[in-house]
Structure formats: C-alpha cells, structure tokens
Amino acid sequence: MADKQRRLERIRAAKAQLEAEARAGADNSDADGPGPSSGMQERGARKNHSADEEQSATPPDRAQRNFTDGDSRIIPSWGGFIAGYNGQIAVDAAHQIIIAEQLSTNPADFAALIPLVDQAHANLGRNLREVSGDTGFATEANLAAMAERGIRAYLTPGCIRHGKTDPTAGRVLKRKPLMQEMADKIKRAGRRSRYRLRKQTAEPVFGQIKQPRGFRQFLLRGLNQVRGEWAMICTAHNILKLHKATA
C-alpha cells in the first residue's frame, strides 16, 4: 500500500493474466498444472465455443487471482475459504505409513483417487486389495476404475449419513448403478462394514501432521515447490513412523 504505482502494476498484470486465460479457454488448460483461476469457470465448466467463434477476453465477474501465489486457488476451509492447495494421501491401514501422496489446486477430492491408487501400486510393486475413501472420492467413474483394477472399494456415496440412507437417495442414485450398489453394500454391513476402517487410517495421519508436528500451512509458493514441500512432509512422517517401529 505504501507504493501505489507498484500495486497498480501488480493489479494490471493480474488482470492481463485473467484476460489471457479467458481468451485461451479450456483448450489451454494443463492437466498437471494449477488449472483455471478461481472463479474462471461458470457453474463448474467453461462455456463451449465453436471453432469460428472468437473467445471473449472478459473473465467472469467472480474470477480472482492471488498476488502472493498465482498458482494457489480458493479452497473451502473450516470457517470459510483460503487461497491454498489440496493435499491428499493414501495410507497403509496396518502401520499408518503413507504409500502415495498428491497435491493439487482442485478442492474436490474425486480426481485424486485413481492417481493415488496407481502411485501406490508403483511404489509397492503390488496391487492393492481394498481401498476405503470418504464421500469426496465416490463417483461412478472411480468405482468403475477400481473394479477394472480388481480392488475392493468402500467409497461411501453422499446419500449415506451415519449408517442411514437419505430419503432422496433413490432419486440421486437412480442413474448411477455402481453408486447404488455401493450404498447398499455399506448399509447392509452396518457397523461391521470395512468402510469404518477409514477413520483409523488416513484421518489420524492428517492429525499427526497437523497437531504434534505443527504443520498448518505451506511455507513455499508455486505449485511445483508446494508439491515438493508436501512430499517432504509425507517422507518425514514415514521416517518417524519407521524409527518408532524399530526403536
């Protein structure tokens, strides 16, 4: 704020970046990059343009760009929203060892499931027998992919709450047979469901990283650097676990 001219230049640069992204459209998105800027997508998807139609250089009114870290995105957090990243892990149920990790700017979890499963297979040199995940990972495509890999999946659909099925579940799952089958399987097992193991695998590891080790925020900036920081945090967790097991 002390240097108005410098701040104005940063605002103009951010505006130009948003306009360039609007002109480029979805064809310019990098699957492994930070993705569209926050608010750039309307109702979850960009508008489709014909080949002859000129892309508009005007970003949506909701479009935002972070001046401190242009790769970060607006992500829901406890009590509100933050400009940050979404770190994911796959954890061994027996020893709480992280067997795969991933970090992205997408606040939704579903896109991380299959990359985590495939990374775990590559790291361990063997196929996983079963995988549990919460509602964020449960989609028709993910359940189909797990079946193709011969993995028993326990991914609870969003219609299940505390062992009970939401009255609207019939409408929600009417055209999603794999989700319906999963909901029925978890409901039938009740308290004996293998899905309950999820609470004692990944969740405690996140708690150990955040509370005893005090890791509450990333210290670096930029997607590639933050990915390296997240990988280092996960490695440190595994070293501490292995040291304790051999002590």
C-alpha atoms as a PDB file:
ATOM      1  CA  MET A   1       0.000   0.000   0.000  1.00  0.00           C
ATOM      2  CA  ALA A   2       2.987   2.337   0.526  1.00  0.00           C
ATOM      3  CA  ASP A   3       3.853   2.193  -3.193  1.00  0.00           C
ATOM      4  CA  LYS A   4       0.641   2.824  -5.126  1.00  0.00           C
ATOM      5  CA  GLN A   5       2.300   2.662  -8.524  1.00  0.00           C
ATOM      6  CA  ARG A   6       3.828  -0.757  -7.801  1.00  0.00           C
ATOM      7  CA  ARG A   7       0.487  -2.066  -6.539  1.00  0.00           C
ATOM      8  CA  LEU A   8      -1.268  -0.727  -9.642  1.00  0.00           C
ATOM      9  CA  GLU A   9       1.235  -2.575 -11.850  1.00  0.00           C
ATOM     10  CA  ARG A  10       0.532  -5.851  -9.998  1.00  0.00           C
ATOM     11  CA  ILE A  11      -3.218  -5.346 -10.411  1.00  0.00           C
ATOM     12  CA  ARG A  12      -2.804  -4.689 -14.128  1.00  0.00           C
ATOM     13  CA  ALA A  13      -0.590  -7.757 -14.516  1.00  0.00           C
ATOM     14  CA  ALA A  14      -3.154  -9.961 -12.729  1.00  0.00           C
ATOM     15  CA  LYS A  15      -5.943  -8.516 -14.903  1.00  0.00           C
ATOM     16  CA  ALA A  16      -3.941  -9.251 -18.057  1.00  0.00           C
ATOM     17  CA  GLN A  17      -3.329 -12.845 -16.912  1.00  0.00           C
ATOM     18  CA  LEU A  18      -7.051 -13.415 -16.292  1.00  0.00           C
ATOM     19  CA  GLU A  19      -7.919 -11.926 -19.687  1.00  0.00           C
ATOM     20  CA  ALA A  20      -5.339 -14.130 -21.422  1.00  0.00           C
ATOM     21  CA  GLU A  21      -6.778 -17.168 -19.678  1.00  0.00           C
ATOM     22  CA  ALA A  22     -10.306 -16.193 -20.761  1.00  0.00           C
ATOM     23  CA  ARG A  23      -9.169 -15.869 -24.382  1.00  0.00           C
ATOM     24  CA  ALA A  24      -7.333 -19.210 -24.304  1.00  0.00           C
ATOM     25  CA  GLY A  25     -10.367 -21.069 -22.952  1.00  0.00           C
ATOM     26  CA  ALA A  26     -10.378 -24.723 -21.864  1.00  0.00           C
ATOM     27  CA  ASP A  27      -8.072 -25.779 -24.732  1.00  0.00           C
ATOM     28  CA  ASN A  28      -5.132 -24.115 -22.970  1.00  0.00           C
ATOM     29  CA  SER A  29      -5.566 -25.931 -19.644  1.00  0.00           C
ATOM     30  CA  ASP A  30      -2.683 -28.066 -18.380  1.00  0.00           C
ATOM     31  CA  ALA A  31      -3.924 -31.260 -16.744  1.00  0.00           C
ATOM     32  CA  ASP A  32      -0.914 -31.315 -14.426  1.00  0.00           C
ATOM     33  CA  GLY A  33      -0.853 -27.574 -13.798  1.00  0.00           C
ATOM     34  CA  PRO A  34      -2.778 -25.330 -11.410  1.00  0.00           C
ATOM     35  CA  GLY A  35      -5.866 -25.302 -13.610  1.00  0.00           C
ATOM     36  CA  PRO A  36      -8.298 -22.414 -14.176  1.00  0.00           C
ATOM     37  CA  SER A  37      -8.029 -19.429 -11.875  1.00  0.00           C
ATOM     38  CA  SER A  38     -10.551 -19.225  -9.057  1.00  0.00           C
ATOM     39  CA  GLY A  39     -13.968 -18.190 -10.363  1.00  0.00           C
ATOM     40  CA  MET A  40     -12.936 -18.569 -14.004  1.00  0.00           C
ATOM     41  CA  GLN A  41     -15.364 -21.441 -14.525  1.00  0.00           C
ATOM     42  CA  GLU A  42     -19.077 -20.711 -14.512  1.00  0.00           C
ATOM     43  CA  ARG A  43     -21.196 -23.432 -12.896  1.00  0.00           C
ATOM     44  CA  GLY A  44     -18.255 -25.815 -12.864  1.00  0.00           C
ATOM     45  CA  ALA A  45     -17.395 -25.643 -16.582  1.00  0.00           C
ATOM     46  CA  ARG A  46     -16.316 -23.170 -19.191  1.00  0.00           C
ATOM     47  CA  LYS A  47     -18.686 -22.237 -21.994  1.00  0.00           C
ATOM     48  CA  ASN A  48     -18.144 -24.185 -25.209  1.00  0.00           C
ATOM     49  CA  HIS A  49     -17.197 -22.112 -28.211  1.00  0.00           C
ATOM     50  CA  SER A  50     -17.325 -23.084 -31.851  1.00  0.00           C
ATOM     51  CA  ALA A  51     -14.134 -23.065 -33.904  1.00  0.00           C
ATOM     52  CA  ASP A  52     -15.192 -19.839 -35.672  1.00  0.00           C
ATOM     53  CA  GLU A  53     -16.357 -18.051 -32.534  1.00  0.00           C
ATOM     54  CA  GLU A  54     -13.880 -15.632 -31.015  1.00  0.00           C
ATOM     55  CA  GLN A  55     -13.116 -16.190 -27.354  1.00  0.00           C
ATOM     56  CA  SER A  56     -14.101 -13.324 -25.080  1.00  0.00           C
ATOM     57  CA  ALA A  57     -11.234 -11.559 -23.327  1.00  0.00           C
ATOM     58  CA  THR A  58     -13.531 -10.643 -20.443  1.00  0.00           C
ATOM     59  CA  PRO A  59     -13.188 -13.014 -17.457  1.00  0.00           C
ATOM     60  CA  PRO A  60     -16.268 -13.806 -15.339  1.00  0.00           C
ATOM     61  CA  ASP A  61     -17.011 -11.304 -12.583  1.00  0.00           C
ATOM     62  CA  ARG A  62     -16.076 -13.916  -9.978  1.00  0.00           C
ATOM     63  CA  ALA A  63     -12.583 -14.545 -11.405  1.00  0.00           C
ATOM     64  CA  GLN A  64      -9.778 -13.992  -8.886  1.00  0.00           C
ATOM     65  CA  ARG A  65      -6.003 -14.192  -8.873  1.00  0.00           C
ATOM     66  CA  ASN A  66      -3.763 -14.311  -5.805  1.00  0.00           C
ATOM     67  CA  PHE A  67      -0.990 -11.685  -5.849  1.00  0.00           C
ATOM     68  CA  THR A  68       1.231 -13.657  -3.456  1.00  0.00           C
ATOM     69  CA  ASP A  69       0.941 -17.062  -5.132  1.00  0.00           C
ATOM     70  CA  GLY A  70      -0.632 -17.088  -8.583  1.00  0.00           C
ATOM     71  CA  ASP A  71      -0.828 -20.912  -8.605  1.00  0.00           C
ATOM     72  CA  SER A  72      -2.978 -21.143  -5.465  1.00  0.00           C
ATOM     73  CA  ARG A  73      -6.764 -21.383  -5.714  1.00  0.00           C
ATOM     74  CA  ILE A  74      -9.715 -20.534  -3.463  1.00  0.00           C
ATOM     75  CA  ILE A  75     -10.468 -23.662  -1.417  1.00  0.00           C
ATOM     76  CA  PRO A  76     -13.151 -24.224   1.265  1.00  0.00           C
ATOM     77  CA  SER A  77     -11.712 -24.490   4.762  1.00  0.00           C
ATOM     78  CA  TRP A  78     -13.051 -24.745   8.299  1.00  0.00           C
ATOM     79  CA  GLY A  79     -14.832 -21.472   8.967  1.00  0.00           C
ATOM     80  CA  GLY A  80     -14.536 -20.066   5.455  1.00  0.00           C
ATOM     81  CA  PHE A  81     -12.187 -20.091   2.478  1.00  0.00           C
ATOM     82  CA  ILE A  82      -8.439 -19.854   1.921  1.00  0.00           C
ATOM     83  CA  ALA A  83      -6.132 -19.397  -1.063  1.00  0.00           C
ATOM     84  CA  GLY A  84      -4.240 -22.671  -0.959  1.00  0.00           C
ATOM     85  CA  TYR A  85      -3.804 -26.246  -2.141  1.00  0.00           C
ATOM     86  CA  ASN A  86      -5.399 -29.660  -1.568  1.00  0.00           C
ATOM     87  CA  GLY A  87      -3.013 -32.326  -0.259  1.00  0.00           C
ATOM     88  CA  GLN A  88      -4.068 -35.986  -0.463  1.00  0.00           C
ATOM     89  CA  ILE A  89      -2.522 -39.209   0.844  1.00  0.00           C
ATOM     90  CA  ALA A  90      -3.036 -42.975   0.659  1.00  0.00           C
ATOM     91  CA  VAL A  91      -2.225 -44.696   3.948  1.00  0.00           C
ATOM     92  CA  ASP A  92      -1.455 -48.299   4.865  1.00  0.00           C
ATOM     93  CA  ALA A  93      -4.151 -49.453   7.300  1.00  0.00           C
ATOM     94  CA  ALA A  94      -1.832 -51.604   9.429  1.00  0.00           C
ATOM     95  CA  HIS A  95       1.004 -49.166  10.185  1.00  0.00           C
ATOM     96  CA  GLN A  96      -0.194 -45.690   9.117  1.00  0.00           C
ATOM     97  CA  ILE A  97       2.599 -45.418   6.540  1.00  0.00           C
ATOM     98  CA  ILE A  98       1.903 -43.040   3.643  1.00  0.00           C
ATOM     99  CA  ILE A  99       2.171 -45.146   0.483  1.00  0.00           C
ATOM    100  CA  ALA A 100       1.197 -42.413  -2.011  1.00  0.00           C
ATOM    101  CA  GLU A 101       0.730 -38.654  -1.956  1.00  0.00           C
ATOM    102  CA  GLN A 102      -0.598 -35.975  -4.262  1.00  0.00           C
ATOM    103  CA  LEU A 103      -1.206 -32.250  -4.195  1.00  0.00           C
ATOM    104  CA  SER A 104      -3.405 -30.192  -6.499  1.00  0.00           C
ATOM    105  CA  THR A 105      -5.357 -26.941  -6.617  1.00  0.00           C
ATOM    106  CA  ASN A 106      -8.693 -28.721  -7.090  1.00  0.00           C
ATOM    107  CA  PRO A 107     -10.779 -28.515  -3.890  1.00  0.00           C
ATOM    108  CA  ALA A 108     -12.703 -31.643  -4.959  1.00  0.00           C
ATOM    109  CA  ASP A 109     -11.134 -34.984  -3.983  1.00  0.00           C
ATOM    110  CA  PHE A 110     -12.544 -37.351  -6.611  1.00  0.00           C
ATOM    111  CA  ALA A 111      -9.851 -36.673  -9.229  1.00  0.00           C
ATOM    112  CA  ALA A 112      -7.101 -37.738  -6.792  1.00  0.00           C
ATOM    113  CA  LEU A 113      -8.305 -41.301  -6.132  1.00  0.00           C
ATOM    114  CA  ILE A 114      -7.039 -43.174  -9.197  1.00  0.00           C
ATOM    115  CA  PRO A 115      -3.677 -41.334  -9.338  1.00  0.00           C
ATOM    116  CA  LEU A 116      -3.145 -42.239  -5.661  1.00  0.00           C
ATOM    117  CA  VAL A 117      -4.092 -45.880  -6.275  1.00  0.00           C
ATOM    118  CA  ASP A 118      -1.802 -46.150  -9.300  1.00  0.00           C
ATOM    119  CA  GLN A 119       1.038 -44.409  -7.471  1.00  0.00           C
ATOM    120  CA  ALA A 120       0.649 -46.786  -4.523  1.00  0.00           C
ATOM    121  CA  HIS A 121       0.798 -49.749  -6.923  1.00  0.00           C
ATOM    122  CA  ALA A 122       4.011 -48.371  -8.455  1.00  0.00           C
ATOM    123  CA  ASN A 123       5.587 -47.670  -5.045  1.00  0.00           C
ATOM    124  CA  LEU A 124       4.712 -51.061  -3.552  1.00  0.00           C
ATOM    125  CA  GLY A 125       5.131 -53.178  -6.676  1.00  0.00           C
ATOM    126  CA  ARG A 126       1.847 -54.938  -5.993  1.00  0.00           C
ATOM    127  CA  ASN A 127      -1.853 -54.372  -6.452  1.00  0.00           C
ATOM    128  CA  LEU A 128      -3.976 -53.074  -3.577  1.00  0.00           C
ATOM    129  CA  ARG A 129      -6.564 -55.482  -2.156  1.00  0.00           C
ATOM    130  CA  GLU A 130      -9.059 -52.905  -0.907  1.00  0.00           C
ATOM    131  CA  VAL A 131      -9.413 -49.140  -0.615  1.00  0.00           C
ATOM    132  CA  SER A 132     -11.633 -47.043   1.643  1.00  0.00           C
ATOM    133  CA  GLY A 133     -12.453 -43.404   0.978  1.00  0.00           C
ATOM    134  CA  ASP A 134     -14.980 -40.844   2.079  1.00  0.00           C
ATOM    135  CA  THR A 135     -17.760 -39.203   0.100  1.00  0.00           C
ATOM    136  CA  GLY A 136     -15.425 -36.918  -1.835  1.00  0.00           C
ATOM    137  CA  PHE A 137     -13.918 -39.892  -3.680  1.00  0.00           C
ATOM    138  CA  ALA A 138     -17.182 -41.658  -4.548  1.00  0.00           C
ATOM    139  CA  THR A 139     -18.123 -41.309  -8.209  1.00  0.00           C
ATOM    140  CA  GLU A 140     -19.448 -43.727 -10.804  1.00  0.00           C
ATOM    141  CA  ALA A 141     -16.195 -43.420 -12.809  1.00  0.00           C
ATOM    142  CA  ASN A 142     -13.991 -44.090  -9.774  1.00  0.00           C
ATOM    143  CA  LEU A 143     -15.961 -47.187  -8.798  1.00  0.00           C
ATOM    144  CA  ALA A 144     -15.684 -48.494 -12.365  1.00  0.00           C
ATOM    145  CA  ALA A 145     -11.934 -47.853 -12.377  1.00  0.00           C
ATOM    146  CA  MET A 146     -11.496 -49.684  -9.076  1.00  0.00           C
ATOM    147  CA  ALA A 147     -13.414 -52.679 -10.445  1.00  0.00           C
ATOM    148  CA  GLU A 148     -11.170 -52.723 -13.514  1.00  0.00           C
ATOM    149  CA  ARG A 149      -8.128 -52.887 -11.228  1.00  0.00           C
ATOM    150  CA  GLY A 150      -9.626 -55.731  -9.198  1.00  0.00           C
ATOM    151  CA  ILE A 151      -9.706 -53.675  -5.988  1.00  0.00           C
ATOM    152  CA  ARG A 152     -12.482 -53.975  -3.413  1.00  0.00           C
ATOM    153  CA  ALA A 153     -13.719 -50.419  -2.945  1.00  0.00           C
ATOM    154  CA  TYR A 154     -15.506 -48.892   0.027  1.00  0.00           C
ATOM    155  CA  LEU A 155     -16.386 -45.371  -1.105  1.00  0.00           C
ATOM    156  CA  THR A 156     -19.491 -44.090   0.574  1.00  0.00           C
ATOM    157  CA  PRO A 157     -21.961 -42.172  -1.630  1.00  0.00           C
ATOM    158  CA  GLY A 158     -23.070 -38.816  -0.279  1.00  0.00           C
ATOM    159  CA  CYS A 159     -26.588 -40.134   0.390  1.00  0.00           C
ATOM    160  CA  ILE A 160     -25.373 -42.155   3.408  1.00  0.00           C
ATOM    161  CA  ARG A 161     -25.236 -40.353   6.721  1.00  0.00           C
ATOM    162  CA  HIS A 162     -24.252 -42.137   9.945  1.00  0.00           C
ATOM    163  CA  GLY A 163     -25.296 -45.548   8.667  1.00  0.00           C
ATOM    164  CA  LYS A 164     -28.683 -44.340   7.442  1.00  0.00           C
ATOM    165  CA  THR A 165     -29.771 -43.704   3.879  1.00  0.00           C
ATOM    166  CA  ASP A 166     -31.044 -40.270   2.896  1.00  0.00           C
ATOM    167  CA  PRO A 167     -34.712 -40.359   1.725  1.00  0.00           C
ATOM    168  CA  THR A 168     -33.644 -38.675  -1.528  1.00  0.00           C
ATOM    169  CA  ALA A 169     -31.109 -41.414  -2.281  1.00  0.00           C
ATOM    170  CA  GLY A 170     -33.427 -43.097  -4.774  1.00  0.00           C
ATOM    171  CA  ARG A 171     -33.514 -40.001  -6.929  1.00  0.00           C
ATOM    172  CA  VAL A 172     -29.809 -39.247  -6.531  1.00  0.00           C
ATOM    173  CA  LEU A 173     -28.622 -42.761  -7.450  1.00  0.00           C
ATOM    174  CA  LYS A 174     -31.319 -43.676  -9.965  1.00  0.00           C
ATOM    175  CA  ARG A 175     -28.947 -43.442 -12.926  1.00  0.00           C
ATOM    176  CA  LYS A 176     -25.812 -44.455 -11.018  1.00  0.00           C
ATOM    177  CA  PRO A 177     -25.910 -48.253 -10.591  1.00  0.00           C
ATOM    178  CA  LEU A 178     -22.400 -48.590  -9.140  1.00  0.00           C
ATOM    179  CA  MET A 179     -23.069 -45.884  -6.556  1.00  0.00           C
ATOM    180  CA  GLN A 180     -26.374 -47.548  -5.686  1.00  0.00           C
ATOM    181  CA  GLU A 181     -24.658 -50.911  -5.301  1.00  0.00           C
ATOM    182  CA  MET A 182     -22.016 -49.348  -3.049  1.00  0.00           C
ATOM    183  CA  ALA A 183     -24.639 -47.638  -0.903  1.00  0.00           C
ATOM    184  CA  ASP A 184     -26.474 -50.946  -0.481  1.00  0.00           C
ATOM    185  CA  LYS A 185     -23.267 -52.801   0.412  1.00  0.00           C
ATOM    186  CA  ILE A 186     -22.259 -50.328   3.119  1.00  0.00           C
ATOM    187  CA  LYS A 187     -25.793 -50.160   4.504  1.00  0.00           C
ATOM    188  CA  ARG A 188     -26.092 -53.959   4.697  1.00  0.00           C
ATOM    189  CA  ALA A 189     -22.825 -54.296   6.644  1.00  0.00           C
ATOM    190  CA  GLY A 190     -23.770 -51.568   9.117  1.00  0.00           C
ATOM    191  CA  ARG A 191     -21.246 -51.319  11.949  1.00  0.00           C
ATOM    192  CA  ARG A 192     -19.356 -54.309  10.547  1.00  0.00           C
ATOM    193  CA  SER A 193     -18.586 -52.531   7.276  1.00  0.00           C
ATOM    194  CA  ARG A 194     -14.951 -52.395   6.186  1.00  0.00           C
ATOM    195  CA  TYR A 195     -15.594 -48.748   5.380  1.00  0.00           C
ATOM    196  CA  ARG A 196     -15.315 -47.952   9.079  1.00  0.00           C
ATOM    197  CA  LEU A 197     -11.567 -48.633   8.888  1.00  0.00           C
ATOM    198  CA  ARG A 198     -11.161 -45.333   7.059  1.00  0.00           C
ATOM    199  CA  LYS A 199     -11.467 -43.478  10.352  1.00  0.00           C
ATOM    200  CA  GLN A 200      -8.330 -45.140  11.720  1.00  0.00           C
ATOM    201  CA  THR A 201      -6.130 -44.929   8.620  1.00  0.00           C
ATOM    202  CA  ALA A 202      -5.806 -41.591   6.798  1.00  0.00           C
ATOM    203  CA  GLU A 203      -7.546 -39.345   9.324  1.00  0.00           C
ATOM    204  CA  PRO A 204      -5.089 -39.971  12.210  1.00  0.00           C
ATOM    205  CA  VAL A 205      -2.159 -39.339   9.872  1.00  0.00           C
ATOM    206  CA  PHE A 206      -3.532 -35.941   8.910  1.00  0.00           C
ATOM    207  CA  GLY A 207      -3.981 -35.250  12.626  1.00  0.00           C
ATOM    208  CA  GLN A 208      -0.380 -36.250  13.425  1.00  0.00           C
ATOM    209  CA  ILE A 209       0.943 -33.998  10.663  1.00  0.00           C
ATOM    210  CA  LYS A 210      -1.119 -31.019  11.760  1.00  0.00           C
ATOM    211  CA  GLN A 211      -1.053 -31.224  15.557  1.00  0.00           C
ATOM    212  CA  PRO A 212       2.109 -32.866  17.018  1.00  0.00           C
ATOM    213  CA  ARG A 213       4.272 -31.621  14.123  1.00  0.00           C
ATOM    214  CA  GLY A 214       2.527 -28.279  13.856  1.00  0.00           C
ATOM    215  CA  PHE A 215       2.244 -28.259  10.071  1.00  0.00           C
ATOM    216  CA  ARG A 216      -0.710 -25.956   9.422  1.00  0.00           C
ATOM    217  CA  GLN A 217       0.297 -24.147   6.260  1.00  0.00           C
ATOM    218  CA  PHE A 218       2.708 -24.353   3.351  1.00  0.00           C
ATOM    219  CA  LEU A 219       5.733 -22.091   3.549  1.00  0.00           C
ATOM    220  CA  LEU A 220       6.650 -22.116  -0.155  1.00  0.00           C
ATOM    221  CA  ARG A 221       4.905 -20.574  -3.155  1.00  0.00           C
ATOM    222  CA  GLY A 222       4.114 -22.039  -6.566  1.00  0.00           C
ATOM    223  CA  LEU A 223       2.540 -25.404  -7.401  1.00  0.00           C
ATOM    224  CA  ASN A 224       5.776 -27.299  -8.098  1.00  0.00           C
ATOM    225  CA  GLN A 225       7.503 -26.050  -4.952  1.00  0.00           C
ATOM    226  CA  VAL A 226       4.475 -26.757  -2.761  1.00  0.00           C
ATOM    227  CA  ARG A 227       4.262 -30.269  -4.222  1.00  0.00           C
ATOM    228  CA  GLY A 228       7.873 -30.784  -3.174  1.00  0.00           C
ATOM    229  CA  GLU A 229       7.105 -29.443   0.299  1.00  0.00           C
ATOM    230  CA  TRP A 230       4.128 -31.816   0.664  1.00  0.00           C
ATOM    231  CA  ALA A 231       6.244 -34.777  -0.474  1.00  0.00           C
ATOM    232  CA  MET A 232       8.881 -33.836   2.120  1.00  0.00           C
ATOM    233  CA  ILE A 233       6.253 -33.637   4.883  1.00  0.00           C
ATOM    234  CA  CYS A 234       4.960 -37.100   3.939  1.00  0.00           C
ATOM    235  CA  THR A 235       8.503 -38.504   3.859  1.00  0.00           C
ATOM    236  CA  ALA A 236       9.218 -37.070   7.304  1.00  0.00           C
ATOM    237  CA  HIS A 237       6.061 -38.733   8.634  1.00  0.00           C
ATOM    238  CA  ASN A 238       7.156 -42.120   7.291  1.00  0.00           C
ATOM    239  CA  ILE A 239      10.676 -41.782   8.705  1.00  0.00           C
ATOM    240  CA  LEU A 240       9.279 -41.021  12.156  1.00  0.00           C
ATOM    241  CA  LYS A 241       6.897 -43.981  11.938  1.00  0.00           C
ATOM    242  CA  LEU A 242       9.672 -46.358  10.844  1.00  0.00           C
ATOM    243  CA  HIS A 243      12.054 -45.055  13.513  1.00  0.00           C
ATOM    244  CA  LYS A 244       9.469 -45.628  16.231  1.00  0.00           C
ATOM    245  CA  ALA A 245       8.754 -49.145  14.928  1.00  0.00           C
ATOM    246  CA  THR A 246      12.456 -50.123  15.075  1.00  0.00           C
ATOM    247  CA  ALA A 247      13.316 -48.346  18.327  1.00  0.00           C
END
